Amino acid sequence: MSAAAPLHTLTIGAAGPRIAFLHGLFGQGRNWAQIAKTLAGPDGTGARSTLVDLPDHGRSPWSREFSFEGYAAAVADTLRAIDAETPWVVVGHSLGGKTAMLLALQHPELVSRLVVVDIAPKSYGTLERFSGYIEEMQHLPLGELTSRGDAEARFEEPNPGVKAFLLQNLRRDGDSWRWQANLDLFAADAAKGTGSVIAAWPDVAGGLQPFPGPVLWVAGSDSSYITDEDLPAMRALFPKVRQLTVKGATHWVHTDAPEIIVEALRRFAHAGPG
């Protein structure tokens, strides 16, 4: 993906703090649309939220090779093009959380505050937990589909929530269907096993100065993505971190507990310096 290729964004709200939302693997910016609308308020002045489609997702360009450095650079270019003068509150979930952390470390002048949702600055080993989803998506016979209902009937994922989440990546162009997500890239990374780049944490981060701004680290109590052992590594890179664990929430904290996330973001984005 060319560094000059713009990422697709949608901005909700007309005034207030600038907030950028970075989604997780197989997601897209509009996954955060309802939270952004709530933050904007009825008059649109509560916050200006920009929903970003990361590279290889949604309506954004595809990459030839995955790298967190490339993702962070693309987001940095995109945010600067929208508003280079106002520091951003950056919210990242999962894959977007890793991207947001690297963005804050490499481009601290762009980021005033950081919210990391259910991910830690560490390697998760492999993409094994996503391999089945990738295979299901690749096995869907796109050339035979007659409608979205047909796609839903043929798609083998038993969990209705997961099925709906993955099928949001399916797009129809005329009489043909395609995946918006860069499945071949993700499948190639998953095939690397413990060499997965997506599951890893980029080595470059270790040579960077700690991020000086406030950081809110959100975890789901029913998620295994963050453990107590992750706190020292998080504090080393983000000394002003504070934790929020949302009771009863899974890895998709913002879907499970949107009211809590909205209130936390509202307080955090409008807080004073430091």
C-alpha atoms as a PDB file:
ATOM      1  CA  MET A   1       0.000   0.000   0.000  1.00  0.00           C
ATOM      2  CA  SER A   2       1.349   3.390  -0.934  1.00  0.00           C
ATOM      3  CA  ALA A   3       1.953   5.764   1.962  1.00  0.00           C
ATOM      4  CA  ALA A   4       0.119   8.387  -0.095  1.00  0.00           C
ATOM      5  CA  ALA A   5      -3.005   6.246  -0.460  1.00  0.00           C
ATOM      6  CA  PRO A   6      -5.622   7.700   1.897  1.00  0.00           C
ATOM      7  CA  LEU A   7      -7.466   5.497   4.340  1.00  0.00           C
ATOM      8  CA  HIS A   8     -11.249   5.608   4.242  1.00  0.00           C
ATOM      9  CA  THR A   9     -12.750   7.571   7.123  1.00  0.00           C
ATOM     10  CA  LEU A  10     -16.108   8.796   8.356  1.00  0.00           C
ATOM     11  CA  THR A  11     -16.340  11.719  10.783  1.00  0.00           C
ATOM     12  CA  ILE A  12     -19.292  12.079  13.139  1.00  0.00           C
ATOM     13  CA  GLY A  13     -19.781  15.284  15.125  1.00  0.00           C
ATOM     14  CA  ALA A  14     -19.065  18.930  14.394  1.00  0.00           C
ATOM     15  CA  ALA A  15     -17.135  20.183  17.434  1.00  0.00           C
ATOM     16  CA  GLY A  16     -15.401  19.072  20.600  1.00  0.00           C
ATOM     17  CA  PRO A  17     -12.330  16.852  21.093  1.00  0.00           C
ATOM     18  CA  ARG A  18     -11.052  14.971  18.068  1.00  0.00           C
ATOM     19  CA  ILE A  19     -11.266  11.208  18.596  1.00  0.00           C
ATOM     20  CA  ALA A  20      -9.986   8.582  16.154  1.00  0.00           C
ATOM     21  CA  PHE A  21     -11.291   5.012  16.362  1.00  0.00           C
ATOM     22  CA  LEU A  22      -9.217   2.070  15.094  1.00  0.00           C
ATOM     23  CA  HIS A  23     -11.049  -1.256  14.800  1.00  0.00           C
ATOM     24  CA  GLY A  24      -9.851  -4.840  15.179  1.00  0.00           C
ATOM     25  CA  LEU A  25      -9.111  -7.625  12.699  1.00  0.00           C
ATOM     26  CA  PHE A  26     -11.982  -8.105  10.188  1.00  0.00           C
ATOM     27  CA  GLY A  27     -13.656  -4.969  11.503  1.00  0.00           C
ATOM     28  CA  GLN A  28     -14.167  -1.536   9.983  1.00  0.00           C
ATOM     29  CA  GLY A  29     -14.570   1.981  11.261  1.00  0.00           C
ATOM     30  CA  ARG A  30     -18.350   1.913  11.293  1.00  0.00           C
ATOM     31  CA  ASN A  31     -18.253  -0.719  14.045  1.00  0.00           C
ATOM     32  CA  TRP A  32     -17.825   2.309  16.344  1.00  0.00           C
ATOM     33  CA  ALA A  33     -20.513   4.451  14.686  1.00  0.00           C
ATOM     34  CA  GLN A  34     -23.127   4.196  17.433  1.00  0.00           C
ATOM     35  CA  ILE A  35     -20.623   5.080  20.132  1.00  0.00           C
ATOM     36  CA  ALA A  36     -19.405   8.011  18.012  1.00  0.00           C
ATOM     37  CA  LYS A  37     -22.991   9.264  17.536  1.00  0.00           C
ATOM     38  CA  THR A  38     -23.626   9.073  21.265  1.00  0.00           C
ATOM     39  CA  LEU A  39     -20.411  10.956  22.024  1.00  0.00           C
ATOM     40  CA  ALA A  40     -21.335  13.662  19.506  1.00  0.00           C
ATOM     41  CA  GLY A  41     -24.620  14.287  21.316  1.00  0.00           C
ATOM     42  CA  PRO A  42     -27.852  15.594  19.812  1.00  0.00           C
ATOM     43  CA  ASP A  43     -26.233  18.849  18.653  1.00  0.00           C
ATOM     44  CA  GLY A  44     -23.033  17.212  17.364  1.00  0.00           C
ATOM     45  CA  THR A  45     -20.770  19.290  19.604  1.00  0.00           C
ATOM     46  CA  GLY A  46     -19.818  16.699  22.214  1.00  0.00           C
ATOM     47  CA  ALA A  47     -16.952  15.222  20.182  1.00  0.00           C
ATOM     48  CA  ARG A  48     -15.695  14.901  16.617  1.00  0.00           C
ATOM     49  CA  SER A  49     -15.084  11.202  16.052  1.00  0.00           C
ATOM     50  CA  THR A  50     -13.277   9.920  12.982  1.00  0.00           C
ATOM     51  CA  LEU A  51     -13.926   6.248  12.210  1.00  0.00           C
ATOM     52  CA  VAL A  52     -10.933   4.829  10.345  1.00  0.00           C
ATOM     53  CA  ASP A  53     -10.900   1.782   8.084  1.00  0.00           C
ATOM     54  CA  LEU A  54      -7.430   0.337   8.660  1.00  0.00           C
ATOM     55  CA  PRO A  55      -5.422  -0.868   5.646  1.00  0.00           C
ATOM     56  CA  ASP A  56      -6.709  -4.201   4.263  1.00  0.00           C
ATOM     57  CA  HIS A  57     -10.149  -3.541   5.765  1.00  0.00           C
ATOM     58  CA  GLY A  58     -13.382  -1.829   4.778  1.00  0.00           C
ATOM     59  CA  ARG A  59     -12.978   0.688   1.976  1.00  0.00           C
ATOM     60  CA  SER A  60      -9.275   1.322   2.565  1.00  0.00           C
ATOM     61  CA  PRO A  61      -6.438   0.210   0.232  1.00  0.00           C
ATOM     62  CA  TRP A  62      -4.784  -3.175   0.597  1.00  0.00           C
ATOM     63  CA  SER A  63      -1.177  -3.861   1.573  1.00  0.00           C
ATOM     64  CA  ARG A  64       1.223  -6.199  -0.191  1.00  0.00           C
ATOM     65  CA  GLU A  65       2.769  -7.109   3.162  1.00  0.00           C
ATOM     66  CA  PHE A  66       1.443  -6.643   6.679  1.00  0.00           C
ATOM     67  CA  SER A  67       3.353  -4.490   9.137  1.00  0.00           C
ATOM     68  CA  PHE A  68       2.270  -2.518  12.183  1.00  0.00           C
ATOM     69  CA  GLU A  69       4.705   0.192  11.157  1.00  0.00           C
ATOM     70  CA  GLY A  70       2.881   0.508   7.831  1.00  0.00           C
ATOM     71  CA  TYR A  71      -0.500   0.595   9.544  1.00  0.00           C
ATOM     72  CA  ALA A  72       0.624   3.246  12.047  1.00  0.00           C
ATOM     73  CA  ALA A  73       2.185   5.377   9.287  1.00  0.00           C
ATOM     74  CA  ALA A  74      -1.006   5.203   7.203  1.00  0.00           C
ATOM     75  CA  VAL A  75      -3.117   6.258  10.192  1.00  0.00           C
ATOM     76  CA  ALA A  76      -0.696   9.083  11.005  1.00  0.00           C
ATOM     77  CA  ASP A  77      -0.883  10.403   7.434  1.00  0.00           C
ATOM     78  CA  THR A  78      -4.666  10.177   7.507  1.00  0.00           C
ATOM     79  CA  LEU A  79      -5.074  12.031  10.808  1.00  0.00           C
ATOM     80  CA  ARG A  80      -2.634  14.745   9.750  1.00  0.00           C
ATOM     81  CA  ALA A  81      -4.553  15.255   6.512  1.00  0.00           C
ATOM     82  CA  ILE A  82      -7.775  15.756   8.498  1.00  0.00           C
ATOM     83  CA  ASP A  83      -6.350  17.974  11.260  1.00  0.00           C
ATOM     84  CA  ALA A  84      -2.624  18.393  11.870  1.00  0.00           C
ATOM     85  CA  GLU A  85      -3.095  21.150  14.464  1.00  0.00           C
ATOM     86  CA  THR A  86      -5.335  19.474  17.051  1.00  0.00           C
ATOM     87  CA  PRO A  87      -3.883  16.530  19.028  1.00  0.00           C
ATOM     88  CA  TRP A  88      -6.073  13.440  18.806  1.00  0.00           C
ATOM     89  CA  VAL A  89      -7.544  11.094  21.362  1.00  0.00           C
ATOM     90  CA  VAL A  90      -6.892   7.722  19.720  1.00  0.00           C
ATOM     91  CA  VAL A  91      -8.993   4.673  20.611  1.00  0.00           C
ATOM     92  CA  GLY A  92      -7.852   1.271  19.352  1.00  0.00           C
ATOM     93  CA  HIS A  93      -9.373  -2.172  19.840  1.00  0.00           C
ATOM     94  CA  SER A  94      -7.372  -5.404  19.423  1.00  0.00           C
ATOM     95  CA  LEU A  95      -5.415  -5.081  16.130  1.00  0.00           C
ATOM     96  CA  GLY A  96      -6.366  -1.408  16.174  1.00  0.00           C
ATOM     97  CA  GLY A  97      -5.124  -1.201  19.758  1.00  0.00           C
ATOM     98  CA  LYS A  98      -1.658  -2.389  18.775  1.00  0.00           C
ATOM     99  CA  THR A  99      -1.693   0.061  15.876  1.00  0.00           C
ATOM    100  CA  ALA A 100      -2.787   2.863  18.206  1.00  0.00           C
ATOM    101  CA  MET A 101      -0.020   2.072  20.710  1.00  0.00           C
ATOM    102  CA  LEU A 102       2.645   2.155  18.006  1.00  0.00           C
ATOM    103  CA  LEU A 103       1.127   5.342  16.567  1.00  0.00           C
ATOM    104  CA  ALA A 104       1.399   7.042  19.973  1.00  0.00           C
ATOM    105  CA  LEU A 105       4.993   5.877  20.441  1.00  0.00           C
ATOM    106  CA  GLN A 106       6.155   6.876  16.946  1.00  0.00           C
ATOM    107  CA  HIS A 107       4.061  10.024  16.525  1.00  0.00           C
ATOM    108  CA  PRO A 108       3.484  11.394  20.054  1.00  0.00           C
ATOM    109  CA  GLU A 109       2.918  14.906  18.676  1.00  0.00           C
ATOM    110  CA  LEU A 110      -0.280  13.614  17.031  1.00  0.00           C
ATOM    111  CA  VAL A 111      -1.748  11.899  20.095  1.00  0.00           C
ATOM    112  CA  SER A 112      -2.860  13.699  23.236  1.00  0.00           C
ATOM    113  CA  ARG A 113      -4.482  10.700  24.911  1.00  0.00           C
ATOM    114  CA  LEU A 114      -4.664   7.000  24.160  1.00  0.00           C
ATOM    115  CA  VAL A 115      -7.332   4.378  24.835  1.00  0.00           C
ATOM    116  CA  VAL A 116      -6.295   0.741  24.326  1.00  0.00           C
ATOM    117  CA  VAL A 117      -9.170  -1.738  24.339  1.00  0.00           C
ATOM    118  CA  ASP A 118      -8.495  -5.367  25.315  1.00  0.00           C
ATOM    119  CA  ILE A 119      -5.015  -5.884  23.917  1.00  0.00           C
ATOM    120  CA  ALA A 120      -1.506  -5.776  25.371  1.00  0.00           C
ATOM    121  CA  PRO A 121       1.912  -4.862  23.933  1.00  0.00           C
ATOM    122  CA  LYS A 122       3.025  -8.461  23.527  1.00  0.00           C
ATOM    123  CA  SER A 123       3.017 -11.361  21.106  1.00  0.00           C
ATOM    124  CA  TYR A 124      -0.039 -13.612  21.166  1.00  0.00           C
ATOM    125  CA  GLY A 125       1.853 -16.435  19.464  1.00  0.00           C
ATOM    126  CA  THR A 126      -0.246 -17.326  16.448  1.00  0.00           C
ATOM    127  CA  LEU A 127      -3.429 -16.359  14.626  1.00  0.00           C
ATOM    128  CA  GLU A 128      -4.860 -19.785  15.436  1.00  0.00           C
ATOM    129  CA  ARG A 129      -7.997 -18.308  17.004  1.00  0.00           C
ATOM    130  CA  PHE A 130      -8.763 -16.577  13.679  1.00  0.00           C
ATOM    131  CA  SER A 131      -7.667 -19.338  11.288  1.00  0.00           C
ATOM    132  CA  GLY A 132     -11.079 -21.003  11.286  1.00  0.00           C
ATOM    133  CA  TYR A 133     -12.791 -17.729  10.418  1.00  0.00           C
ATOM    134  CA  ILE A 134     -10.365 -17.152   7.542  1.00  0.00           C
ATOM    135  CA  GLU A 135     -11.010 -20.639   6.178  1.00  0.00           C
ATOM    136  CA  GLU A 136     -14.795 -20.208   6.443  1.00  0.00           C
ATOM    137  CA  MET A 137     -14.593 -16.962   4.500  1.00  0.00           C
ATOM    138  CA  GLN A 138     -12.317 -18.419   1.831  1.00  0.00           C
ATOM    139  CA  HIS A 139     -14.605 -21.434   1.347  1.00  0.00           C
ATOM    140  CA  LEU A 140     -17.714 -19.348   0.680  1.00  0.00           C
ATOM    141  CA  PRO A 141     -18.407 -19.851  -3.081  1.00  0.00           C
ATOM    142  CA  LEU A 142     -18.617 -16.197  -4.111  1.00  0.00           C
ATOM    143  CA  GLY A 143     -19.287 -17.076  -7.755  1.00  0.00           C
ATOM    144  CA  GLU A 144     -22.441 -18.999  -6.827  1.00  0.00           C
ATOM    145  CA  LEU A 145     -24.088 -16.476  -4.511  1.00  0.00           C
ATOM    146  CA  THR A 146     -27.467 -15.088  -5.535  1.00  0.00           C
ATOM    147  CA  SER A 147     -28.167 -12.806  -2.570  1.00  0.00           C
ATOM    148  CA  ARG A 148     -26.922 -11.827   0.881  1.00  0.00           C
ATOM    149  CA  GLY A 149     -29.468 -14.239   2.332  1.00  0.00           C
ATOM    150  CA  ASP A 150     -27.908 -16.975   0.223  1.00  0.00           C
ATOM    151  CA  ALA A 151     -24.487 -16.025   1.606  1.00  0.00           C
ATOM    152  CA  GLU A 152     -25.796 -16.171   5.171  1.00  0.00           C
ATOM    153  CA  ALA A 153     -27.328 -19.596   4.549  1.00  0.00           C
ATOM    154  CA  ARG A 154     -24.116 -20.995   3.056  1.00  0.00           C
ATOM    155  CA  PHE A 155     -21.741 -19.480   5.604  1.00  0.00           C
ATOM    156  CA  GLU A 156     -20.921 -22.184   8.131  1.00  0.00           C
ATOM    157  CA  GLU A 157     -20.145 -20.101  11.231  1.00  0.00           C
ATOM    158  CA  PRO A 158     -22.513 -21.316  14.008  1.00  0.00           C
ATOM    159  CA  ASN A 159     -22.229 -18.215  16.219  1.00  0.00           C
ATOM    160  CA  PRO A 160     -24.758 -15.696  14.856  1.00  0.00           C
ATOM    161  CA  GLY A 161     -22.866 -12.690  16.245  1.00  0.00           C
ATOM    162  CA  VAL A 162     -19.576 -13.801  14.727  1.00  0.00           C
ATOM    163  CA  LYS A 163     -21.323 -14.647  11.448  1.00  0.00           C
ATOM    164  CA  ALA A 164     -22.819 -11.156  11.203  1.00  0.00           C
ATOM    165  CA  PHE A 165     -19.479  -9.561  12.087  1.00  0.00           C
ATOM    166  CA  LEU A 166     -17.558 -11.488   9.425  1.00  0.00           C
ATOM    167  CA  LEU A 167     -20.209 -11.123   6.724  1.00  0.00           C
ATOM    168  CA  GLN A 168     -20.106  -7.342   7.048  1.00  0.00           C
ATOM    169  CA  ASN A 169     -16.930  -7.712   4.959  1.00  0.00           C
ATOM    170  CA  LEU A 170     -18.918  -9.156   2.034  1.00  0.00           C
ATOM    171  CA  ARG A 171     -19.684  -6.672  -0.736  1.00  0.00           C
ATOM    172  CA  ARG A 172     -21.647  -6.927  -3.979  1.00  0.00           C
ATOM    173  CA  ASP A 173     -20.367  -5.221  -7.139  1.00  0.00           C
ATOM    174  CA  GLY A 174     -23.019  -5.591  -9.805  1.00  0.00           C
ATOM    175  CA  ASP A 175     -23.574  -9.331 -10.182  1.00  0.00           C
ATOM    176  CA  SER A 176     -20.356 -10.360  -8.417  1.00  0.00           C
ATOM    177  CA  TRP A 177     -19.408 -10.653  -4.770  1.00  0.00           C
ATOM    178  CA  ARG A 178     -16.086  -9.947  -3.085  1.00  0.00           C
ATOM    179  CA  TRP A 179     -14.505  -9.710   0.347  1.00  0.00           C
ATOM    180  CA  GLN A 180     -13.431  -6.221   1.408  1.00  0.00           C
ATOM    181  CA  ALA A 181     -10.930  -7.695   3.869  1.00  0.00           C
ATOM    182  CA  ASN A 182      -7.586  -8.780   2.413  1.00  0.00           C
ATOM    183  CA  LEU A 183      -8.136 -12.484   3.108  1.00  0.00           C
ATOM    184  CA  ASP A 184      -5.100 -13.711   1.192  1.00  0.00           C
ATOM    185  CA  LEU A 185      -2.819 -11.483   3.261  1.00  0.00           C
ATOM    186  CA  PHE A 186      -4.358 -12.627   6.546  1.00  0.00           C
ATOM    187  CA  ALA A 187      -4.291 -16.292   5.484  1.00  0.00           C
ATOM    188  CA  ALA A 188      -0.613 -16.043   4.565  1.00  0.00           C
ATOM    189  CA  ASP A 189       0.168 -14.516   7.956  1.00  0.00           C
ATOM    190  CA  ALA A 190      -1.856 -17.168   9.798  1.00  0.00           C
ATOM    191  CA  ALA A 191       0.064 -19.874   7.914  1.00  0.00           C
ATOM    192  CA  LYS A 192       3.305 -18.622   9.497  1.00  0.00           C
ATOM    193  CA  GLY A 193       2.254 -20.103  12.847  1.00  0.00           C
ATOM    194  CA  THR A 194       4.397 -18.608  15.611  1.00  0.00           C
ATOM    195  CA  GLY A 195       5.978 -16.378  12.971  1.00  0.00           C
ATOM    196  CA  SER A 196       2.718 -14.440  12.568  1.00  0.00           C
ATOM    197  CA  VAL A 197       3.345 -10.706  12.335  1.00  0.00           C
ATOM    198  CA  ILE A 198      -0.248  -9.811  13.154  1.00  0.00           C
ATOM    199  CA  ALA A 199      -0.152 -11.813  16.385  1.00  0.00           C
ATOM    200  CA  ALA A 200       3.211 -10.310  17.376  1.00  0.00           C
ATOM    201  CA  TRP A 201       4.221  -6.994  18.886  1.00  0.00           C
ATOM    202  CA  PRO A 202       6.648  -5.041  16.673  1.00  0.00           C
ATOM    203  CA  ASP A 203      10.298  -5.099  17.813  1.00  0.00           C
ATOM    204  CA  VAL A 204      10.715  -1.462  16.816  1.00  0.00           C
ATOM    205  CA  ALA A 205       8.565  -0.382  19.757  1.00  0.00           C
ATOM    206  CA  GLY A 206      11.276  -1.379  22.235  1.00  0.00           C
ATOM    207  CA  GLY A 207      13.630   1.311  20.953  1.00  0.00           C
ATOM    208  CA  LEU A 208      11.162   4.175  21.295  1.00  0.00           C
ATOM    209  CA  GLN A 209      10.683   6.653  24.114  1.00  0.00           C
ATOM    210  CA  PRO A 210       7.698   6.014  26.401  1.00  0.00           C
ATOM    211  CA  PHE A 211       4.517   7.848  25.466  1.00  0.00           C
ATOM    212  CA  PRO A 212       4.128  10.822  27.839  1.00  0.00           C
ATOM    213  CA  GLY A 213       0.349  11.252  27.653  1.00  0.00           C
ATOM    214  CA  PRO A 214      -2.483   9.705  29.662  1.00  0.00           C
ATOM    215  CA  VAL A 215      -3.520   6.188  28.672  1.00  0.00           C
ATOM    216  CA  LEU A 216      -6.731   4.337  29.517  1.00  0.00           C
ATOM    217  CA  TRP A 217      -6.334   0.558  29.257  1.00  0.00           C
ATOM    218  CA  VAL A 218      -9.719  -1.159  28.987  1.00  0.00           C
ATOM    219  CA  ALA A 219     -10.179  -4.889  29.522  1.00  0.00           C
ATOM    220  CA  GLY A 220     -13.137  -7.239  29.469  1.00  0.00           C
ATOM    221  CA  SER A 221     -13.386  -9.310  32.640  1.00  0.00           C
ATOM    222  CA  ASP A 222     -14.388 -12.351  30.568  1.00  0.00           C
ATOM    223  CA  SER A 223     -11.554 -11.920  28.068  1.00  0.00           C
ATOM    224  CA  SER A 224      -8.139 -13.591  28.231  1.00  0.00           C
ATOM    225  CA  TYR A 225      -6.339 -10.997  26.089  1.00  0.00           C
ATOM    226  CA  ILE A 226      -5.005  -9.022  29.070  1.00  0.00           C
ATOM    227  CA  THR A 227      -3.453 -10.567  32.193  1.00  0.00           C
ATOM    228  CA  ASP A 228      -1.840  -9.153  35.334  1.00  0.00           C
ATOM    229  CA  GLU A 229       1.542 -10.167  33.924  1.00  0.00           C
ATOM    230  CA  ASP A 230       1.102  -7.665  31.072  1.00  0.00           C
ATOM    231  CA  LEU A 231       1.102  -4.605  33.334  1.00  0.00           C
ATOM    232  CA  PRO A 232       4.921  -4.111  33.643  1.00  0.00           C
ATOM    233  CA  ALA A 233       5.364  -4.049  29.847  1.00  0.00           C
ATOM    234  CA  MET A 234       2.445  -1.662  29.495  1.00  0.00           C
ATOM    235  CA  ARG A 235       3.777   0.678  32.189  1.00  0.00           C
ATOM    236  CA  ALA A 236       7.245   0.680  30.650  1.00  0.00           C
ATOM    237  CA  LEU A 237       5.869   2.084  27.394  1.00  0.00           C
ATOM    238  CA  PHE A 238       2.939   4.048  28.850  1.00  0.00           C
ATOM    239  CA  PRO A 239       3.839   5.303  32.356  1.00  0.00           C
ATOM    240  CA  LYS A 240       0.573   7.238  32.781  1.00  0.00           C
ATOM    241  CA  VAL A 241      -1.617   4.195  32.203  1.00  0.00           C
ATOM    242  CA  ARG A 242      -4.663   3.412  34.289  1.00  0.00           C
ATOM    243  CA  GLN A 243      -6.797   0.323  33.964  1.00  0.00           C
ATOM    244  CA  LEU A 244     -10.526  -0.160  33.572  1.00  0.00           C
ATOM    245  CA  THR A 245     -11.934  -3.687  33.678  1.00  0.00           C
ATOM    246  CA  VAL A 246     -15.515  -3.970  32.476  1.00  0.00           C
ATOM    247  CA  LYS A 247     -17.388  -6.660  34.359  1.00  0.00           C
ATOM    248  CA  GLY A 248     -19.104  -9.278  32.204  1.00  0.00           C
ATOM    249  CA  ALA A 249     -17.522  -8.065  28.967  1.00  0.00           C
ATOM    250  CA  THR A 250     -15.679 -10.240  26.469  1.00  0.00           C
ATOM    251  CA  HIS A 251     -12.947  -9.207  24.024  1.00  0.00           C
ATOM    252  CA  TRP A 252     -15.528  -7.053  22.200  1.00  0.00           C
ATOM    253  CA  VAL A 253     -15.943  -4.754  25.200  1.00  0.00           C
ATOM    254  CA  HIS A 254     -17.496  -1.887  23.242  1.00  0.00           C
ATOM    255  CA  THR A 255     -20.189  -4.215  21.863  1.00  0.00           C
ATOM    256  CA  ASP A 256     -20.928  -5.857  25.198  1.00  0.00           C
ATOM    257  CA  ALA A 257     -20.981  -2.685  27.302  1.00  0.00           C
ATOM    258  CA  PRO A 258     -21.414   0.376  25.055  1.00  0.00           C
ATOM    259  CA  GLU A 259     -22.848   2.588  27.818  1.00  0.00           C
ATOM    260  CA  ILE A 260     -19.801   2.042  30.023  1.00  0.00           C
ATOM    261  CA  ILE A 261     -17.408   2.678  27.143  1.00  0.00           C
ATOM    262  CA  VAL A 262     -19.237   5.878  26.141  1.00  0.00           C
ATOM    263  CA  GLU A 263     -19.083   7.243  29.675  1.00  0.00           C
ATOM    264  CA  ALA A 264     -15.415   6.301  30.074  1.00  0.00           C
ATOM    265  CA  LEU A 265     -14.512   7.913  26.750  1.00  0.00           C
ATOM    266  CA  ARG A 266     -16.524  11.036  27.493  1.00  0.00           C
ATOM    267  CA  ARG A 267     -14.743  11.587  30.817  1.00  0.00           C
ATOM    268  CA  PHE A 268     -11.330  10.704  29.434  1.00  0.00           C
ATOM    269  CA  ALA A 269     -11.563  12.844  26.278  1.00  0.00           C
ATOM    270  CA  HIS A 270     -12.757  15.919  28.197  1.00  0.00           C
ATOM    271  CA  ALA A 271     -10.281  15.583  31.088  1.00  0.00           C
ATOM    272  CA  GLY A 272      -7.649  18.250  31.614  1.00  0.00           C
ATOM    273  CA  PRO A 273      -3.929  17.888  30.831  1.00  0.00           C
ATOM    274  CA  GLY A 274      -1.870  15.203  32.530  1.00  0.00           C
END
